[in-house]
Amino acid sequence: MFIFALKPKRKHFVIGAIITAAVICIVCLFSCKGESTSVMKKENLSASTNEERVAFFSQFGWEVKEEAAEVKDVAIPSVFGDVYEKYNEIQKEQGFDLLDYRGKQVKQYSYVVTNYPDYEGEVRGNLLVYEGKVIGGDICSLTLNGFMHGFKNPNEK
């Protein structure tokens, strides 16, 4: 019979713990990298034409009037104040980040939403478009003390 005894030293435990922690961190980074909670993960972001912009809204179940109610140039500020920081939080929740477009001129297309549930006032769907792609936007009411949220219908789970 052969007996083999091994008495590990404290430094072996420390090195083993460091290696294990590093492996766990690497696995987490690579496994989480491809996953996103973004609303935009699978959505079509093309917005070069009016038809593409209308189709963008329909991906979320919104019906909009065929023509934009308003089109204007918008300058994304180089430095965000409180209002833009809060607006960018809405964008981040849906997979966009306006920080990437600081200092850029973008187009804002506003469409009248015709099927907003349980609301009588006018509702607009706004798209921020840069180089033919949607980079952000919102659904909002035009009344004082109204609402603003991302593209996803808040009544859907």
C-alpha atoms as a PDB file:
ATOM      1  CA  MET A   1       0.000   0.000   0.000  1.00  0.00           C
ATOM      2  CA  PHE A   2       1.205   3.443  -0.944  1.00  0.00           C
ATOM      3  CA  ILE A   3       0.237   6.569   1.049  1.00  0.00           C
ATOM      4  CA  PHE A   4       0.905  10.055  -0.222  1.00  0.00           C
ATOM      5  CA  ALA A   5       0.480  13.037   2.130  1.00  0.00           C
ATOM      6  CA  LEU A   6       0.470  16.622   0.991  1.00  0.00           C
ATOM      7  CA  LYS A   7       0.429  19.544   3.382  1.00  0.00           C
ATOM      8  CA  PRO A   8      -0.405  22.739   1.480  1.00  0.00           C
ATOM      9  CA  LYS A   9       1.108  25.967   2.653  1.00  0.00           C
ATOM     10  CA  ARG A  10      -0.867  29.121   3.305  1.00  0.00           C
ATOM     11  CA  LYS A  11       0.506  30.845   0.199  1.00  0.00           C
ATOM     12  CA  HIS A  12      -0.913  28.008  -1.944  1.00  0.00           C
ATOM     13  CA  PHE A  13      -4.410  28.751  -0.579  1.00  0.00           C
ATOM     14  CA  VAL A  14      -3.988  32.464  -1.278  1.00  0.00           C
ATOM     15  CA  ILE A  15      -2.757  31.880  -4.829  1.00  0.00           C
ATOM     16  CA  GLY A  16      -5.559  29.405  -5.436  1.00  0.00           C
ATOM     17  CA  ALA A  17      -8.168  31.895  -4.179  1.00  0.00           C
ATOM     18  CA  ILE A  18      -6.771  34.660  -6.411  1.00  0.00           C
ATOM     19  CA  ILE A  19      -6.786  32.398  -9.466  1.00  0.00           C
ATOM     20  CA  THR A  20     -10.334  31.230  -8.708  1.00  0.00           C
ATOM     21  CA  ALA A  21     -11.555  34.831  -8.295  1.00  0.00           C
ATOM     22  CA  ALA A  22      -9.883  35.845 -11.570  1.00  0.00           C
ATOM     23  CA  VAL A  23     -11.484  32.940 -13.443  1.00  0.00           C
ATOM     24  CA  ILE A  24     -14.920  33.811 -12.028  1.00  0.00           C
ATOM     25  CA  CYS A  25     -14.506  37.472 -13.062  1.00  0.00           C
ATOM     26  CA  ILE A  26     -13.460  36.513 -16.593  1.00  0.00           C
ATOM     27  CA  VAL A  27     -16.377  34.099 -16.964  1.00  0.00           C
ATOM     28  CA  CYS A  28     -18.825  36.773 -15.742  1.00  0.00           C
ATOM     29  CA  LEU A  29     -17.430  39.385 -18.121  1.00  0.00           C
ATOM     30  CA  PHE A  30     -17.694  37.159 -21.170  1.00  0.00           C
ATOM     31  CA  SER A  31     -21.045  35.621 -20.315  1.00  0.00           C
ATOM     32  CA  CYS A  32     -22.684  38.991 -19.553  1.00  0.00           C
ATOM     33  CA  LYS A  33     -21.088  40.841 -22.466  1.00  0.00           C
ATOM     34  CA  GLY A  34     -23.502  39.586 -25.104  1.00  0.00           C
ATOM     35  CA  GLU A  35     -26.652  39.934 -23.015  1.00  0.00           C
ATOM     36  CA  SER A  36     -28.603  43.134 -22.833  1.00  0.00           C
ATOM     37  CA  THR A  37     -31.772  44.180 -21.119  1.00  0.00           C
ATOM     38  CA  SER A  38     -32.120  46.767 -23.846  1.00  0.00           C
ATOM     39  CA  VAL A  39     -35.442  47.297 -25.535  1.00  0.00           C
ATOM     40  CA  MET A  40     -33.444  47.969 -28.707  1.00  0.00           C
ATOM     41  CA  LYS A  41     -31.666  44.610 -28.744  1.00  0.00           C
ATOM     42  CA  LYS A  42     -33.683  43.166 -31.627  1.00  0.00           C
ATOM     43  CA  GLU A  43     -35.361  46.257 -33.033  1.00  0.00           C
ATOM     44  CA  ASN A  44     -34.828  47.787 -36.455  1.00  0.00           C
ATOM     45  CA  LEU A  45     -33.061  51.125 -36.008  1.00  0.00           C
ATOM     46  CA  SER A  46     -33.162  52.311 -39.642  1.00  0.00           C
ATOM     47  CA  ALA A  47     -34.804  55.709 -39.975  1.00  0.00           C
ATOM     48  CA  SER A  48     -33.658  57.191 -43.291  1.00  0.00           C
ATOM     49  CA  THR A  49     -37.156  57.339 -44.760  1.00  0.00           C
ATOM     50  CA  ASN A  50     -40.571  58.250 -43.432  1.00  0.00           C
ATOM     51  CA  GLU A  51     -41.695  54.644 -43.949  1.00  0.00           C
ATOM     52  CA  GLU A  52     -38.813  53.350 -41.820  1.00  0.00           C
ATOM     53  CA  ARG A  53     -39.606  55.842 -39.047  1.00  0.00           C
ATOM     54  CA  VAL A  54     -43.293  54.877 -39.008  1.00  0.00           C
ATOM     55  CA  ALA A  55     -42.285  51.188 -39.015  1.00  0.00           C
ATOM     56  CA  PHE A  56     -39.960  51.841 -36.081  1.00  0.00           C
ATOM     57  CA  PHE A  57     -42.909  52.950 -33.944  1.00  0.00           C
ATOM     58  CA  SER A  58     -45.005  49.985 -35.055  1.00  0.00           C
ATOM     59  CA  GLN A  59     -42.368  47.602 -33.633  1.00  0.00           C
ATOM     60  CA  PHE A  60     -43.573  48.736 -30.213  1.00  0.00           C
ATOM     61  CA  GLY A  61     -47.265  48.643 -31.068  1.00  0.00           C
ATOM     62  CA  TRP A  62     -47.615  52.387 -31.620  1.00  0.00           C
ATOM     63  CA  GLU A  63     -49.737  53.693 -34.444  1.00  0.00           C
ATOM     64  CA  VAL A  64     -48.676  57.113 -35.674  1.00  0.00           C
ATOM     65  CA  LYS A  65     -49.955  59.485 -38.332  1.00  0.00           C
ATOM     66  CA  GLU A  66     -48.229  58.833 -41.641  1.00  0.00           C
ATOM     67  CA  GLU A  67     -46.403  62.172 -41.782  1.00  0.00           C
ATOM     68  CA  ALA A  68     -44.262  63.750 -39.093  1.00  0.00           C
ATOM     69  CA  ALA A  69     -45.980  66.580 -37.249  1.00  0.00           C
ATOM     70  CA  GLU A  70     -42.636  68.319 -36.772  1.00  0.00           C
ATOM     71  CA  VAL A  71     -39.074  67.903 -38.007  1.00  0.00           C
ATOM     72  CA  LYS A  72     -36.246  69.943 -36.578  1.00  0.00           C
ATOM     73  CA  ASP A  73     -32.509  69.968 -36.064  1.00  0.00           C
ATOM     74  CA  VAL A  74     -31.416  69.400 -32.491  1.00  0.00           C
ATOM     75  CA  ALA A  75     -27.940  70.003 -31.096  1.00  0.00           C
ATOM     76  CA  ILE A  76     -26.967  67.436 -28.479  1.00  0.00           C
ATOM     77  CA  PRO A  77     -25.040  69.527 -25.928  1.00  0.00           C
ATOM     78  CA  SER A  78     -21.379  68.825 -25.274  1.00  0.00           C
ATOM     79  CA  VAL A  79     -21.990  69.017 -21.537  1.00  0.00           C
ATOM     80  CA  PHE A  80     -25.224  67.598 -20.142  1.00  0.00           C
ATOM     81  CA  GLY A  81     -27.179  69.557 -17.558  1.00  0.00           C
ATOM     82  CA  ASP A  82     -29.760  68.031 -15.220  1.00  0.00           C
ATOM     83  CA  VAL A  83     -32.492  67.893 -17.881  1.00  0.00           C
ATOM     84  CA  TYR A  84     -30.326  66.082 -20.425  1.00  0.00           C
ATOM     85  CA  GLU A  85     -28.957  63.747 -17.741  1.00  0.00           C
ATOM     86  CA  LYS A  86     -32.531  62.723 -16.831  1.00  0.00           C
ATOM     87  CA  TYR A  87     -33.491  62.384 -20.492  1.00  0.00           C
ATOM     88  CA  ASN A  88     -30.419  60.263 -21.128  1.00  0.00           C
ATOM     89  CA  GLU A  89     -31.476  57.944 -18.295  1.00  0.00           C
ATOM     90  CA  ILE A  90     -34.633  57.174 -20.303  1.00  0.00           C
ATOM     91  CA  GLN A  91     -32.400  56.516 -23.307  1.00  0.00           C
ATOM     92  CA  LYS A  92     -30.073  54.218 -21.379  1.00  0.00           C
ATOM     93  CA  GLU A  93     -33.045  52.189 -20.103  1.00  0.00           C
ATOM     94  CA  GLN A  94     -33.927  51.419 -23.701  1.00  0.00           C
ATOM     95  CA  GLY A  95     -30.409  50.699 -24.920  1.00  0.00           C
ATOM     96  CA  PHE A  96     -29.323  54.107 -26.220  1.00  0.00           C
ATOM     97  CA  ASP A  97     -26.787  56.548 -24.837  1.00  0.00           C
ATOM     98  CA  LEU A  98     -26.714  60.140 -26.014  1.00  0.00           C
ATOM     99  CA  LEU A  99     -23.264  60.653 -24.494  1.00  0.00           C
ATOM    100  CA  ASP A 100     -21.917  59.134 -27.702  1.00  0.00           C
ATOM    101  CA  TYR A 101     -23.476  62.027 -29.660  1.00  0.00           C
ATOM    102  CA  ARG A 102     -22.408  65.005 -27.542  1.00  0.00           C
ATOM    103  CA  GLY A 103     -21.782  68.063 -29.685  1.00  0.00           C
ATOM    104  CA  LYS A 104     -23.523  66.542 -32.732  1.00  0.00           C
ATOM    105  CA  GLN A 105     -26.450  67.867 -34.774  1.00  0.00           C
ATOM    106  CA  VAL A 106     -29.260  65.327 -35.098  1.00  0.00           C
ATOM    107  CA  LYS A 107     -32.761  65.356 -36.570  1.00  0.00           C
ATOM    108  CA  GLN A 108     -35.802  65.092 -34.350  1.00  0.00           C
ATOM    109  CA  TYR A 109     -38.921  63.655 -35.976  1.00  0.00           C
ATOM    110  CA  SER A 110     -42.155  64.036 -33.985  1.00  0.00           C
ATOM    111  CA  TYR A 111     -45.173  61.924 -34.901  1.00  0.00           C
ATOM    112  CA  VAL A 112     -48.687  62.038 -33.469  1.00  0.00           C
ATOM    113  CA  VAL A 113     -49.443  58.755 -31.673  1.00  0.00           C
ATOM    114  CA  THR A 114     -53.043  57.727 -32.399  1.00  0.00           C
ATOM    115  CA  ASN A 115     -53.453  54.677 -30.160  1.00  0.00           C
ATOM    116  CA  TYR A 116     -52.140  55.690 -26.722  1.00  0.00           C
ATOM    117  CA  PRO A 117     -54.330  53.835 -24.192  1.00  0.00           C
ATOM    118  CA  ASP A 118     -56.502  55.632 -21.652  1.00  0.00           C
ATOM    119  CA  TYR A 119     -55.334  59.134 -22.529  1.00  0.00           C
ATOM    120  CA  GLU A 120     -57.354  61.869 -24.233  1.00  0.00           C
ATOM    121  CA  GLY A 121     -54.638  64.478 -24.856  1.00  0.00           C
ATOM    122  CA  GLU A 122     -52.194  64.600 -27.750  1.00  0.00           C
ATOM    123  CA  VAL A 123     -49.299  62.165 -27.520  1.00  0.00           C
ATOM    124  CA  ARG A 124     -46.140  62.416 -29.598  1.00  0.00           C
ATOM    125  CA  GLY A 125     -43.551  59.876 -30.534  1.00  0.00           C
ATOM    126  CA  ASN A 126     -40.156  61.530 -30.948  1.00  0.00           C
ATOM    127  CA  LEU A 127     -37.218  60.010 -32.772  1.00  0.00           C
ATOM    128  CA  LEU A 128     -33.669  61.308 -32.627  1.00  0.00           C
ATOM    129  CA  VAL A 129     -31.934  60.275 -35.846  1.00  0.00           C
ATOM    130  CA  TYR A 130     -28.252  60.506 -36.721  1.00  0.00           C
ATOM    131  CA  GLU A 131     -26.914  59.342 -40.082  1.00  0.00           C
ATOM    132  CA  GLY A 132     -30.152  57.476 -40.836  1.00  0.00           C
ATOM    133  CA  LYS A 133     -30.284  55.514 -37.556  1.00  0.00           C
ATOM    134  CA  VAL A 134     -32.417  55.989 -34.456  1.00  0.00           C
ATOM    135  CA  ILE A 135     -30.163  57.033 -31.571  1.00  0.00           C
ATOM    136  CA  GLY A 136     -32.899  57.792 -29.042  1.00  0.00           C
ATOM    137  CA  GLY A 137     -36.346  59.153 -28.497  1.00  0.00           C
ATOM    138  CA  ASP A 138     -39.454  58.986 -26.397  1.00  0.00           C
ATOM    139  CA  ILE A 139     -43.223  58.853 -26.162  1.00  0.00           C
ATOM    140  CA  CYS A 140     -44.668  61.904 -24.405  1.00  0.00           C
ATOM    141  CA  SER A 141     -47.796  63.929 -23.801  1.00  0.00           C
ATOM    142  CA  LEU A 142     -47.953  67.586 -24.757  1.00  0.00           C
ATOM    143  CA  THR A 143     -49.852  68.693 -21.675  1.00  0.00           C
ATOM    144  CA  LEU A 144     -48.415  70.462 -18.666  1.00  0.00           C
ATOM    145  CA  ASN A 145     -47.593  67.877 -15.961  1.00  0.00           C
ATOM    146  CA  GLY A 146     -47.803  65.178 -18.637  1.00  0.00           C
ATOM    147  CA  PHE A 147     -45.640  62.106 -19.067  1.00  0.00           C
ATOM    148  CA  MET A 148     -42.577  60.941 -20.939  1.00  0.00           C
ATOM    149  CA  HIS A 149     -41.197  57.423 -21.277  1.00  0.00           C
ATOM    150  CA  GLY A 150     -39.257  55.229 -23.657  1.00  0.00           C
ATOM    151  CA  PHE A 151     -40.683  53.488 -26.717  1.00  0.00           C
ATOM    152  CA  LYS A 152     -41.991  50.463 -24.862  1.00  0.00           C
ATOM    153  CA  ASN A 153     -45.643  50.711 -23.902  1.00  0.00           C
ATOM    154  CA  PRO A 154     -45.698  51.086 -20.099  1.00  0.00           C
ATOM    155  CA  ASN A 155     -48.928  49.051 -19.935  1.00  0.00           C
ATOM    156  CA  GLU A 156     -47.158  45.987 -21.378  1.00  0.00           C
ATOM    157  CA  LYS A 157     -45.100  43.774 -19.110  1.00  0.00           C
END
